[in-house]
Amino acid sequence: MVHFDYYPKDRAQVHALEHRLESVIKRANAGELGESELHVDGNDGYLYMYGPDPDRLYAVTSSIMKSSKLLKNAEVTKHYGSRDETFVMGRDRGQ
């Protein structure tokens, strides 16, 4: 899950990002992109991605996400069964 600042003027950017993420996830056979959640009043957006290996899914998508100005300082949460790992984009251990 990726939590980011969202404003209604960013809707086209979000859809373009979704398309890029969906494409790379499918090509890598790493999982799938779920339906995004964009709060009507702005401020909060969420991208949901699902796959059997959260580390692989992040590895496949991280370069696209890091290159998006929309996701600057976004919060990423990887779910490992009953355990979660949350970090701010650009400050993850992979940097």
N, C-alpha and C. Protein backbone atom coordinates (compact mmCIF):
# COMPACT_ATOMS: atom_id res chain seq x y z
N MET A 1 0.84 -1.16 0.00
CA MET A 1 0.00 0.00 0.00
C MET A 1 0.89 1.23 0.00
N VAL A 2 0.50 2.23 -0.77
CA VAL A 2 1.23 3.49 -0.84
C VAL A 2 0.26 4.62 -0.50
N HIS A 3 0.58 5.38 0.54
CA HIS A 3 -0.24 6.51 0.95
C HIS A 3 0.47 7.78 0.51
N PHE A 4 -0.24 8.65 -0.21
CA PHE A 4 0.38 9.86 -0.73
C PHE A 4 -0.58 11.04 -0.65
N ASP A 5 -0.01 12.24 -0.75
CA ASP A 5 -0.83 13.45 -0.77
C ASP A 5 -1.50 13.53 -2.13
N TYR A 6 -2.80 13.70 -2.11
CA TYR A 6 -3.59 13.73 -3.35
C TYR A 6 -4.46 14.98 -3.37
N TYR A 7 -4.51 15.59 -4.51
CA TYR A 7 -5.39 16.73 -4.73
C TYR A 7 -6.15 16.48 -6.03
N PRO A 8 -7.41 16.87 -6.12
CA PRO A 8 -8.22 16.57 -7.31
C PRO A 8 -7.56 16.98 -8.63
N LYS A 9 -6.74 18.02 -8.64
CA LYS A 9 -6.05 18.43 -9.87
C LYS A 9 -5.05 17.38 -10.35
N ASP A 10 -4.69 16.43 -9.48
CA ASP A 10 -3.70 15.40 -9.80
C ASP A 10 -4.31 14.15 -10.41
N ARG A 11 -5.62 14.14 -10.63
CA ARG A 11 -6.30 12.92 -11.07
C ARG A 11 -5.67 12.31 -12.34
N ALA A 12 -5.38 13.13 -13.34
CA ALA A 12 -4.79 12.60 -14.58
C ALA A 12 -3.42 11.99 -14.32
N GLN A 13 -2.64 12.61 -13.44
CA GLN A 13 -1.32 12.07 -13.08
C GLN A 13 -1.46 10.73 -12.38
N VAL A 14 -2.45 10.61 -11.52
CA VAL A 14 -2.68 9.36 -10.80
C VAL A 14 -3.02 8.26 -11.79
N HIS A 15 -3.89 8.53 -12.74
CA HIS A 15 -4.30 7.51 -13.72
C HIS A 15 -3.11 7.09 -14.60
N ALA A 16 -2.27 8.02 -14.98
CA ALA A 16 -1.09 7.69 -15.77
C ALA A 16 -0.14 6.80 -14.95
N LEU A 17 0.02 7.14 -13.68
CA LEU A 17 0.87 6.34 -12.79
C LEU A 17 0.31 4.94 -12.62
N GLU A 18 -0.99 4.84 -12.43
CA GLU A 18 -1.64 3.53 -12.30
C GLU A 18 -1.37 2.67 -13.54
N HIS A 19 -1.49 3.27 -14.70
CA HIS A 19 -1.27 2.53 -15.95
C HIS A 19 0.17 2.00 -16.01
N ARG A 20 1.13 2.84 -15.67
CA ARG A 20 2.54 2.41 -15.69
C ARG A 20 2.80 1.30 -14.68
N LEU A 21 2.26 1.45 -13.47
CA LEU A 21 2.45 0.42 -12.45
C LEU A 21 1.80 -0.90 -12.85
N GLU A 22 0.58 -0.82 -13.34
CA GLU A 22 -0.12 -2.03 -13.76
C GLU A 22 0.66 -2.77 -14.84
N SER A 23 1.20 -2.03 -15.78
CA SER A 23 1.96 -2.63 -16.87
C SER A 23 3.22 -3.35 -16.38
N VAL A 24 3.99 -2.69 -15.53
CA VAL A 24 5.24 -3.29 -15.06
C VAL A 24 4.97 -4.49 -14.14
N ILE A 25 3.92 -4.42 -13.34
CA ILE A 25 3.58 -5.53 -12.45
C ILE A 25 3.17 -6.75 -13.26
N LYS A 26 2.36 -6.54 -14.30
CA LYS A 26 1.93 -7.65 -15.16
C LYS A 26 3.10 -8.26 -15.91
N ARG A 27 3.95 -7.39 -16.49
CA ARG A 27 5.12 -7.88 -17.24
C ARG A 27 6.02 -8.74 -16.38
N ALA A 28 6.18 -8.37 -15.12
CA ALA A 28 7.06 -9.11 -14.21
C ALA A 28 6.34 -10.28 -13.54
N ASN A 29 5.04 -10.40 -13.79
CA ASN A 29 4.23 -11.45 -13.16
C ASN A 29 4.43 -11.43 -11.64
N ALA A 30 4.39 -10.20 -11.07
CA ALA A 30 4.67 -10.00 -9.65
C ALA A 30 3.41 -9.83 -8.82
N GLY A 31 2.25 -9.78 -9.44
CA GLY A 31 1.01 -9.57 -8.69
C GLY A 31 0.03 -8.76 -9.51
N GLU A 32 -0.66 -7.84 -8.83
CA GLU A 32 -1.63 -7.00 -9.53
C GLU A 32 -1.80 -5.66 -8.81
N LEU A 33 -2.25 -4.69 -9.56
CA LEU A 33 -2.58 -3.38 -9.02
C LEU A 33 -4.05 -3.40 -8.65
N GLY A 34 -4.35 -3.08 -7.41
CA GLY A 34 -5.74 -3.02 -6.96
C GLY A 34 -6.34 -1.67 -7.31
N GLU A 35 -7.56 -1.46 -6.88
CA GLU A 35 -8.23 -0.19 -7.13
C GLU A 35 -7.69 0.88 -6.18
N SER A 36 -7.34 2.01 -6.74
CA SER A 36 -6.82 3.11 -5.93
C SER A 36 -7.95 3.78 -5.17
N GLU A 37 -7.59 4.39 -4.06
CA GLU A 37 -8.55 5.13 -3.25
C GLU A 37 -8.12 6.60 -3.24
N LEU A 38 -8.97 7.45 -3.76
CA LEU A 38 -8.69 8.89 -3.81
C LEU A 38 -9.81 9.61 -3.09
N HIS A 39 -9.48 10.25 -2.00
CA HIS A 39 -10.51 10.94 -1.22
C HIS A 39 -11.05 12.13 -2.00
N VAL A 40 -12.35 12.25 -2.06
CA VAL A 40 -13.03 13.27 -2.84
C VAL A 40 -12.59 14.67 -2.45
N ASP A 41 -12.36 14.89 -1.16
CA ASP A 41 -11.97 16.22 -0.70
C ASP A 41 -10.47 16.48 -0.87
N GLY A 42 -9.77 15.53 -1.46
CA GLY A 42 -8.33 15.69 -1.65
C GLY A 42 -7.57 15.26 -0.41
N ASN A 43 -6.29 15.52 -0.42
CA ASN A 43 -5.36 15.26 0.67
C ASN A 43 -4.85 13.83 0.75
N ASP A 44 -5.68 12.82 0.64
CA ASP A 44 -5.22 11.46 0.81
C ASP A 44 -5.51 10.60 -0.40
N GLY A 45 -4.46 9.91 -0.87
CA GLY A 45 -4.60 8.94 -1.93
C GLY A 45 -3.90 7.66 -1.51
N TYR A 46 -4.41 6.54 -1.99
CA TYR A 46 -3.83 5.24 -1.66
C TYR A 46 -3.75 4.40 -2.93
N LEU A 47 -2.60 3.80 -3.15
CA LEU A 47 -2.42 2.82 -4.22
C LEU A 47 -2.29 1.46 -3.55
N TYR A 48 -3.03 0.49 -4.04
CA TYR A 48 -2.98 -0.85 -3.47
C TYR A 48 -2.42 -1.81 -4.51
N MET A 49 -1.41 -2.55 -4.11
CA MET A 49 -0.79 -3.55 -4.97
C MET A 49 -0.75 -4.86 -4.20
N TYR A 50 -1.02 -5.94 -4.89
CA TYR A 50 -1.09 -7.25 -4.25
C TYR A 50 -0.20 -8.23 -5.00
N GLY A 51 0.49 -9.05 -4.22
CA GLY A 51 1.33 -10.10 -4.80
C GLY A 51 1.83 -11.01 -3.71
N PRO A 52 2.36 -12.17 -4.08
CA PRO A 52 2.81 -13.13 -3.08
C PRO A 52 4.08 -12.71 -2.34
N ASP A 53 4.87 -11.81 -2.92
CA ASP A 53 6.13 -11.39 -2.31
C ASP A 53 6.21 -9.87 -2.30
N PRO A 54 5.98 -9.24 -1.15
CA PRO A 54 5.97 -7.77 -1.10
C PRO A 54 7.31 -7.15 -1.49
N ASP A 55 8.41 -7.83 -1.18
CA ASP A 55 9.73 -7.29 -1.55
C ASP A 55 9.92 -7.28 -3.06
N ARG A 56 9.51 -8.34 -3.71
CA ARG A 56 9.61 -8.40 -5.18
C ARG A 56 8.69 -7.37 -5.82
N LEU A 57 7.49 -7.25 -5.31
CA LEU A 57 6.54 -6.28 -5.85
C LEU A 57 7.11 -4.87 -5.73
N TYR A 58 7.71 -4.56 -4.59
CA TYR A 58 8.31 -3.24 -4.41
C TYR A 58 9.51 -3.06 -5.34
N ALA A 59 10.32 -4.09 -5.48
CA ALA A 59 11.49 -4.00 -6.36
C ALA A 59 11.07 -3.72 -7.80
N VAL A 60 9.98 -4.33 -8.23
CA VAL A 60 9.48 -4.16 -9.60
C VAL A 60 8.91 -2.76 -9.82
N THR A 61 8.29 -2.19 -8.79
CA THR A 61 7.58 -0.91 -8.95
C THR A 61 8.33 0.31 -8.42
N SER A 62 9.36 0.11 -7.62
CA SER A 62 9.97 1.23 -6.91
C SER A 62 10.57 2.30 -7.83
N SER A 63 11.18 1.92 -8.93
CA SER A 63 11.78 2.94 -9.80
C SER A 63 10.71 3.86 -10.39
N ILE A 64 9.57 3.30 -10.75
CA ILE A 64 8.46 4.11 -11.27
C ILE A 64 7.93 5.01 -10.17
N MET A 65 7.73 4.46 -9.00
CA MET A 65 7.18 5.25 -7.91
C MET A 65 8.14 6.37 -7.49
N LYS A 66 9.42 6.06 -7.41
CA LYS A 66 10.40 7.07 -6.99
C LYS A 66 10.55 8.18 -8.03
N SER A 67 10.26 7.88 -9.28
CA SER A 67 10.38 8.90 -10.33
C SER A 67 9.14 9.80 -10.42
N SER A 68 8.09 9.45 -9.68
CA SER A 68 6.85 10.21 -9.72
C SER A 68 6.87 11.34 -8.70
N LYS A 69 6.72 12.58 -9.17
CA LYS A 69 6.64 13.71 -8.24
C LYS A 69 5.41 13.59 -7.35
N LEU A 70 4.39 12.94 -7.84
CA LEU A 70 3.17 12.73 -7.09
C LEU A 70 3.43 11.93 -5.80
N LEU A 71 4.40 11.02 -5.84
CA LEU A 71 4.65 10.14 -4.70
C LEU A 71 5.83 10.60 -3.84
N LYS A 72 6.29 11.82 -4.05
CA LYS A 72 7.39 12.33 -3.24
C LYS A 72 6.97 12.28 -1.77
N ASN A 73 7.78 11.67 -0.97
CA ASN A 73 7.53 11.49 0.47
C ASN A 73 6.30 10.63 0.78
N ALA A 74 5.91 9.79 -0.16
CA ALA A 74 4.80 8.87 0.08
C ALA A 74 5.22 7.83 1.13
N GLU A 75 4.23 7.30 1.82
CA GLU A 75 4.48 6.28 2.83
C GLU A 75 4.11 4.92 2.26
N VAL A 76 5.06 4.01 2.28
CA VAL A 76 4.87 2.66 1.75
C VAL A 76 4.72 1.68 2.91
N THR A 77 3.74 0.80 2.81
CA THR A 77 3.57 -0.25 3.80
C THR A 77 3.59 -1.59 3.08
N LYS A 78 4.53 -2.43 3.48
CA LYS A 78 4.59 -3.80 2.97
C LYS A 78 3.98 -4.70 4.02
N HIS A 79 3.09 -5.59 3.59
CA HIS A 79 2.42 -6.51 4.51
C HIS A 79 3.04 -7.90 4.35
N TYR A 80 3.52 -8.44 5.45
CA TYR A 80 4.09 -9.79 5.49
C TYR A 80 3.25 -10.63 6.44
N GLY A 81 2.11 -11.09 5.98
CA GLY A 81 1.23 -11.85 6.87
C GLY A 81 0.76 -10.98 8.02
N SER A 82 1.18 -11.30 9.24
CA SER A 82 0.75 -10.54 10.41
C SER A 82 1.70 -9.38 10.74
N ARG A 83 2.77 -9.22 9.97
CA ARG A 83 3.75 -8.17 10.24
C ARG A 83 3.76 -7.17 9.11
N ASP A 84 3.91 -5.89 9.44
CA ASP A 84 3.99 -4.81 8.46
C ASP A 84 5.33 -4.10 8.57
N GLU A 85 5.78 -3.55 7.45
CA GLU A 85 6.97 -2.69 7.42
C GLU A 85 6.56 -1.41 6.70
N THR A 86 6.68 -0.27 7.38
CA THR A 86 6.29 1.01 6.82
C THR A 86 7.50 1.93 6.77
N PHE A 87 7.64 2.65 5.66
CA PHE A 87 8.73 3.60 5.50
C PHE A 87 8.31 4.69 4.54
N VAL A 88 9.04 5.78 4.55
CA VAL A 88 8.77 6.90 3.64
C VAL A 88 9.58 6.67 2.36
N MET A 89 8.91 6.83 1.22
CA MET A 89 9.55 6.65 -0.09
C MET A 89 10.81 7.52 -0.14
N GLY A 90 11.91 6.94 -0.59
CA GLY A 90 13.17 7.66 -0.66
C GLY A 90 14.01 7.49 0.61
N ARG A 91 13.40 6.96 1.63
CA ARG A 91 14.14 6.71 2.87
C ARG A 91 14.13 5.21 3.20
N ASP A 92 13.77 4.40 2.22
CA ASP A 92 13.71 2.96 2.47
C ASP A 92 15.13 2.40 2.53
N ARG A 93 15.23 1.22 3.03
CA ARG A 93 16.55 0.58 3.21
C ARG A 93 17.24 0.30 1.88
N GLY A 94 16.49 0.29 0.79
CA GLY A 94 17.07 0.02 -0.53
C GLY A 94 17.80 1.19 -1.13
N GLN A 95 17.83 2.34 -0.45
CA GLN A 95 18.49 3.54 -0.99
C GLN A 95 19.95 3.51 -0.73
